[in-house]
Amino acid sequence: MGLEAGSRGRTLTNGKQSRYFETAARMDEAFLDLLGEKDFEFITVKEICQRAGISRSAFYLHYETLGDLLDECCEWMVARFLTYMPKEAAEFADGIEGRTLEELYLLTPRYLVPYLRFVAENRRLFTTILQRGGALPLVKLYGNTRDHVLEPALDRYGVPEHDRDYFLAFTIRGCVAVVEEWLRRDCADSIDHVVEVIQACCRSPRG
């Protein structure tokens, strides 16, 4: 969370580094709390500093603008979600050669529901990113499983290696596009309904 130590030419000792990241964590929490209460454009640096119990100079030690803090928070939220994925991916990849083609189809409630629930729980943050013309970093939720899950699955489906980038680009970006539209609707539709939409849009390579 926050800028990496030394990313602006600073070299921090372990003690200072700990305080640096602790301050960043407090600002992130204060910002997310405020984002739950009001729109981004009405949040000020002064409010964040007051709620986090830090000085304005401490804020600008970490971030140049509120937009930087927004981007950092979004990346941190996605990184936090990713910590839950390695175990799931490892379990799926184990014995992948022996799985049926139906089992290799990942656009199922088992995989989509946790992902969509995460998005819904943090919709104010992700919606703000979209409103500011940014791109959701949600592609990372799929991209980090490419080598040991997605590629082997496409291989089992008989998708030529030359064409796999096309399949992955269409499927991953298509899913993200559906999620972005769902966010624009303030996640009004149920998660089950969005799962059905994704499945209808992204059919199995098997047809």
Protein backbone atom coordinates (compact mmCIF):
# COMPACT_ATOMS: atom_id res chain seq x y z
CA MET A 1 0.00 0.00 0.00
CA GLY A 2 1.28 3.45 -0.78
CA LEU A 3 4.30 4.14 -2.92
CA GLU A 4 7.15 1.70 -2.65
CA ALA A 5 9.92 2.79 -0.35
CA GLY A 6 12.57 4.60 -2.30
CA SER A 7 10.33 4.99 -5.38
CA ARG A 8 10.91 8.75 -5.39
CA GLY A 9 14.59 8.54 -4.76
CA ARG A 10 14.26 7.98 -1.03
CA THR A 11 16.21 5.37 0.87
CA LEU A 12 14.39 4.39 4.05
CA THR A 13 15.69 2.50 7.05
CA ASN A 14 13.59 -0.40 8.33
CA GLY A 15 12.07 1.74 11.07
CA LYS A 16 11.24 4.60 8.76
CA GLN A 17 9.95 2.19 6.14
CA SER A 18 7.58 0.66 8.67
CA ARG A 19 6.24 4.10 9.67
CA TYR A 20 6.02 5.07 6.00
CA PHE A 21 3.76 2.15 5.14
CA GLU A 22 1.78 2.47 8.36
CA THR A 23 0.99 6.08 7.43
CA ALA A 24 0.03 4.98 3.92
CA ALA A 25 -2.30 2.34 5.36
CA ARG A 26 -4.02 4.92 7.54
CA MET A 27 -4.54 7.20 4.56
CA ASP A 28 -5.91 4.37 2.46
CA GLU A 29 -8.39 3.43 5.17
CA ALA A 30 -9.43 7.06 5.66
CA PHE A 31 -9.88 7.54 1.93
CA LEU A 32 -11.97 4.38 1.53
CA ASP A 33 -14.14 5.41 4.48
CA LEU A 34 -14.75 8.82 2.93
CA LEU A 35 -15.42 7.28 -0.46
CA GLY A 36 -18.21 5.29 1.17
CA GLU A 37 -19.76 8.55 2.37
CA LYS A 38 -19.38 10.89 -0.60
CA ASP A 39 -18.29 11.12 -4.23
CA PHE A 40 -14.60 11.40 -5.02
CA GLU A 41 -14.78 15.01 -6.23
CA PHE A 42 -15.99 16.14 -2.81
CA ILE A 43 -13.17 14.51 -0.87
CA THR A 44 -10.28 16.76 0.14
CA VAL A 45 -6.73 16.16 1.27
CA LYS A 46 -7.58 17.99 4.48
CA GLU A 47 -10.37 15.52 5.29
CA ILE A 48 -8.14 12.52 4.64
CA CYS A 49 -5.41 13.94 6.84
CA GLN A 50 -7.83 14.73 9.66
CA ARG A 51 -9.40 11.28 9.59
CA ALA A 52 -6.03 9.52 9.30
CA GLY A 53 -4.50 11.71 12.01
CA ILE A 54 -1.59 12.87 9.87
CA SER A 55 -0.24 16.15 8.54
CA ARG A 56 -0.64 17.45 4.99
CA SER A 57 3.11 17.16 4.53
CA ALA A 58 2.85 13.44 5.34
CA PHE A 59 0.20 13.07 2.63
CA TYR A 60 2.40 14.73 0.02
CA LEU A 61 5.34 12.60 1.09
CA HIS A 62 3.37 9.63 -0.24
CA TYR A 63 1.20 11.05 -3.02
CA GLU A 64 1.26 14.01 -5.35
CA THR A 65 -2.53 14.10 -5.88
CA LEU A 66 -5.72 12.45 -4.67
CA GLY A 67 -5.77 10.67 -8.01
CA ASP A 68 -2.53 8.92 -7.06
CA LEU A 69 -4.11 7.76 -3.81
CA LEU A 70 -7.15 6.50 -5.71
CA ASP A 71 -4.97 4.47 -8.08
CA GLU A 72 -2.95 3.03 -5.20
CA CYS A 73 -6.09 2.01 -3.32
CA CYS A 74 -7.50 0.27 -6.38
CA GLU A 75 -4.29 -1.65 -6.97
CA TRP A 76 -4.11 -2.61 -3.30
CA MET A 77 -7.68 -3.91 -3.29
CA VAL A 78 -6.99 -6.09 -6.33
CA ALA A 79 -3.71 -7.33 -4.85
CA ARG A 80 -5.55 -8.28 -1.66
CA PHE A 81 -8.06 -10.30 -3.64
CA LEU A 82 -5.27 -11.99 -5.58
CA THR A 83 -3.87 -13.41 -2.35
CA TYR A 84 -6.87 -15.73 -2.26
CA MET A 85 -6.36 -17.01 -5.81
CA PRO A 86 -3.06 -18.96 -5.79
CA LYS A 87 -4.53 -21.82 -3.72
CA GLU A 88 -7.57 -22.05 -5.97
CA ALA A 89 -5.41 -21.91 -9.08
CA ALA A 90 -3.02 -24.52 -7.71
CA GLU A 91 -5.89 -26.88 -6.89
CA PHE A 92 -7.30 -26.43 -10.38
CA ALA A 93 -3.94 -26.91 -12.11
CA ASP A 94 -3.19 -30.07 -10.15
CA GLY A 95 -4.07 -32.96 -12.43
CA ILE A 96 -5.37 -30.71 -15.18
CA GLU A 97 -4.58 -33.35 -17.79
CA GLY A 98 -7.05 -35.72 -16.20
CA ARG A 99 -9.96 -33.27 -15.98
CA THR A 100 -12.93 -33.38 -18.31
CA LEU A 101 -13.46 -30.53 -20.78
CA GLU A 102 -16.51 -29.48 -18.79
CA GLU A 103 -14.31 -29.10 -15.70
CA LEU A 104 -11.89 -26.91 -17.66
CA TYR A 105 -14.58 -24.34 -18.42
CA LEU A 106 -13.82 -21.62 -15.88
CA LEU A 107 -16.75 -19.27 -16.44
CA THR A 108 -18.86 -20.98 -13.81
CA PRO A 109 -20.36 -19.73 -10.53
CA ARG A 110 -17.51 -21.38 -8.59
CA TYR A 111 -15.01 -18.95 -10.10
CA LEU A 112 -17.18 -16.00 -11.07
CA VAL A 113 -19.24 -15.49 -7.91
CA PRO A 114 -16.28 -14.66 -5.57
CA TYR A 115 -14.91 -12.32 -8.24
CA LEU A 116 -18.24 -10.52 -8.72
CA ARG A 117 -18.87 -10.35 -4.99
CA PHE A 118 -15.48 -8.68 -4.55
CA VAL A 119 -16.36 -6.13 -7.24
CA ALA A 120 -19.76 -5.40 -5.68
CA GLU A 121 -18.29 -4.94 -2.21
CA ASN A 122 -15.84 -2.37 -3.59
CA ARG A 123 -18.04 -0.82 -6.26
CA ARG A 124 -17.60 2.77 -5.08
CA LEU A 125 -13.86 2.50 -5.56
CA PHE A 126 -14.02 0.79 -8.96
CA THR A 127 -16.84 3.04 -10.19
CA THR A 128 -14.77 6.09 -9.32
CA ILE A 129 -11.90 4.73 -11.40
CA LEU A 130 -14.26 4.33 -14.37
CA GLN A 131 -15.79 7.77 -13.91
CA ARG A 132 -12.33 9.31 -14.06
CA GLY A 133 -11.62 7.59 -17.37
CA GLY A 134 -9.34 4.98 -15.89
CA ALA A 135 -9.16 1.28 -16.69
CA LEU A 136 -10.01 -1.35 -14.13
CA PRO A 137 -6.99 -3.44 -13.12
CA LEU A 138 -9.27 -6.48 -12.97
CA VAL A 139 -7.49 -8.13 -15.90
CA LYS A 140 -4.85 -9.09 -13.32
CA LEU A 141 -7.40 -11.36 -11.67
CA TYR A 142 -7.23 -13.55 -14.75
CA GLY A 143 -3.78 -12.76 -16.11
CA ASN A 144 -1.90 -14.18 -13.14
CA THR A 145 -3.32 -17.66 -13.87
CA ARG A 146 -2.51 -17.63 -17.57
CA ASP A 147 0.56 -19.88 -17.68
CA HIS A 148 -0.54 -22.65 -15.32
CA VAL A 149 -4.34 -22.59 -15.78
CA LEU A 150 -5.61 -20.82 -18.89
CA GLU A 151 -2.98 -21.97 -21.37
CA PRO A 152 -3.20 -25.66 -20.36
CA ALA A 153 -7.00 -25.48 -20.54
CA LEU A 154 -6.92 -24.07 -24.07
CA ASP A 155 -4.44 -26.75 -25.01
CA ARG A 156 -6.89 -29.41 -23.84
CA TYR A 157 -9.62 -27.76 -25.91
CA GLY A 158 -7.38 -28.07 -28.95
CA VAL A 159 -7.05 -24.32 -29.52
CA PRO A 160 -3.95 -23.75 -31.72
CA GLU A 161 -1.13 -22.05 -29.84
CA HIS A 162 -1.04 -19.31 -32.47
CA ASP A 163 -4.67 -18.40 -31.72
CA ARG A 164 -4.66 -18.55 -27.92
CA ASP A 165 -3.89 -14.88 -27.44
CA TYR A 166 -7.03 -14.09 -29.40
CA PHE A 167 -9.18 -16.39 -27.27
CA LEU A 168 -7.72 -15.04 -24.04
CA ALA A 169 -8.01 -11.40 -25.08
CA PHE A 170 -11.65 -11.84 -26.12
CA THR A 171 -12.64 -13.79 -23.02
CA ILE A 172 -10.79 -11.73 -20.42
CA ARG A 173 -11.58 -8.31 -21.84
CA GLY A 174 -15.14 -9.40 -22.57
CA CYS A 175 -15.64 -10.37 -18.93
CA VAL A 176 -14.16 -7.09 -17.76
CA ALA A 177 -16.43 -5.17 -20.16
CA VAL A 178 -19.49 -6.87 -18.66
CA VAL A 179 -18.28 -6.03 -15.16
CA GLU A 180 -17.72 -2.40 -16.14
CA GLU A 181 -21.28 -2.15 -17.45
CA TRP A 182 -22.52 -3.76 -14.25
CA LEU A 183 -20.65 -1.12 -12.25
CA ARG A 184 -22.21 1.65 -14.35
CA ARG A 185 -25.55 0.24 -13.26
CA ASP A 186 -24.39 0.36 -9.62
CA CYS A 187 -24.37 -3.44 -9.49
CA ALA A 188 -28.17 -3.37 -9.53
CA ASP A 189 -28.50 -6.77 -11.21
CA SER A 190 -27.90 -9.85 -9.10
CA ILE A 191 -24.57 -11.67 -9.20
CA ASP A 192 -26.34 -14.76 -10.52
CA HIS A 193 -27.74 -12.75 -13.41
CA VAL A 194 -24.33 -11.31 -14.30
CA VAL A 195 -22.86 -14.83 -14.25
CA GLU A 196 -25.51 -15.85 -16.77
CA VAL A 197 -24.71 -12.85 -18.97
CA ILE A 198 -20.97 -13.62 -18.95
CA GLN A 199 -21.64 -17.26 -19.79
CA ALA A 200 -23.94 -16.26 -22.63
CA CYS A 201 -21.37 -13.83 -24.05
CA CYS A 202 -18.34 -16.09 -23.66
CA ARG A 203 -19.14 -19.57 -24.82
CA SER A 204 -16.85 -22.51 -24.23
CA PRO A 205 -14.19 -23.00 -26.97
CA ARG A 206 -15.84 -26.35 -27.49
CA GLY A 207 -18.92 -24.54 -28.76
